[in-house]
Amino acid sequence: MKSWEILVVALAAVYLCWQVDFVSGLECYVCSNQTGNTEKCLNTIKTCESYENTCGTEIRWGSQPYFSEGALKQYYVSKRCMTKEQCQSKRKRYMQLYCTHIWYEDWACNECCQGDRCNYFVISGASSNHVFGLTLALGITISGLGLWLAQ
């Protein structure tokens, strides 16, 4: 091969490499308003856009399409790709106002995770410290009640 032919081949190779995106985006499970973490929520995977760096999961308890008292309630799961800022903002809003887990009220919780397919499982939304505190308080109350009744 002549030197100019090598140069053309090298330039073509550089151009083709420039056109190919070697970095694969984050992969998240995606679904919208499914009646549980089954089927579509566990089988549909999306490669996120380059600016989306977080997988988000929302779990809601209530009635569709509009939450209303007295209506039949059930779980609704939605999963999506989003930015870390969007997910943290939604999580903060939900956790402070709506994530109550009270069975007779409508509620919603949001979780964020980073890593391919990290949103496979739906998690409760209650922090382990919160659960530990409630368990500890319940244990102390039961122990105190037992001591009081034993007198």
Foldseek 3Di string as FASTA:
>chain_A
DDPVVVVVVVVVVVVVVVVDDPDFAAKEQFDWFDQDLDDSSQPHIDRDDRQFFKKKKKKKWADPDDGDAPDDIGITIGIDTHHPVVQVVVQVVQLVPFLDPDNRHIGMHMDMDGHHHPPSDDDNSDDPVNVVVVVVVVVVVVVVVVVVVVD
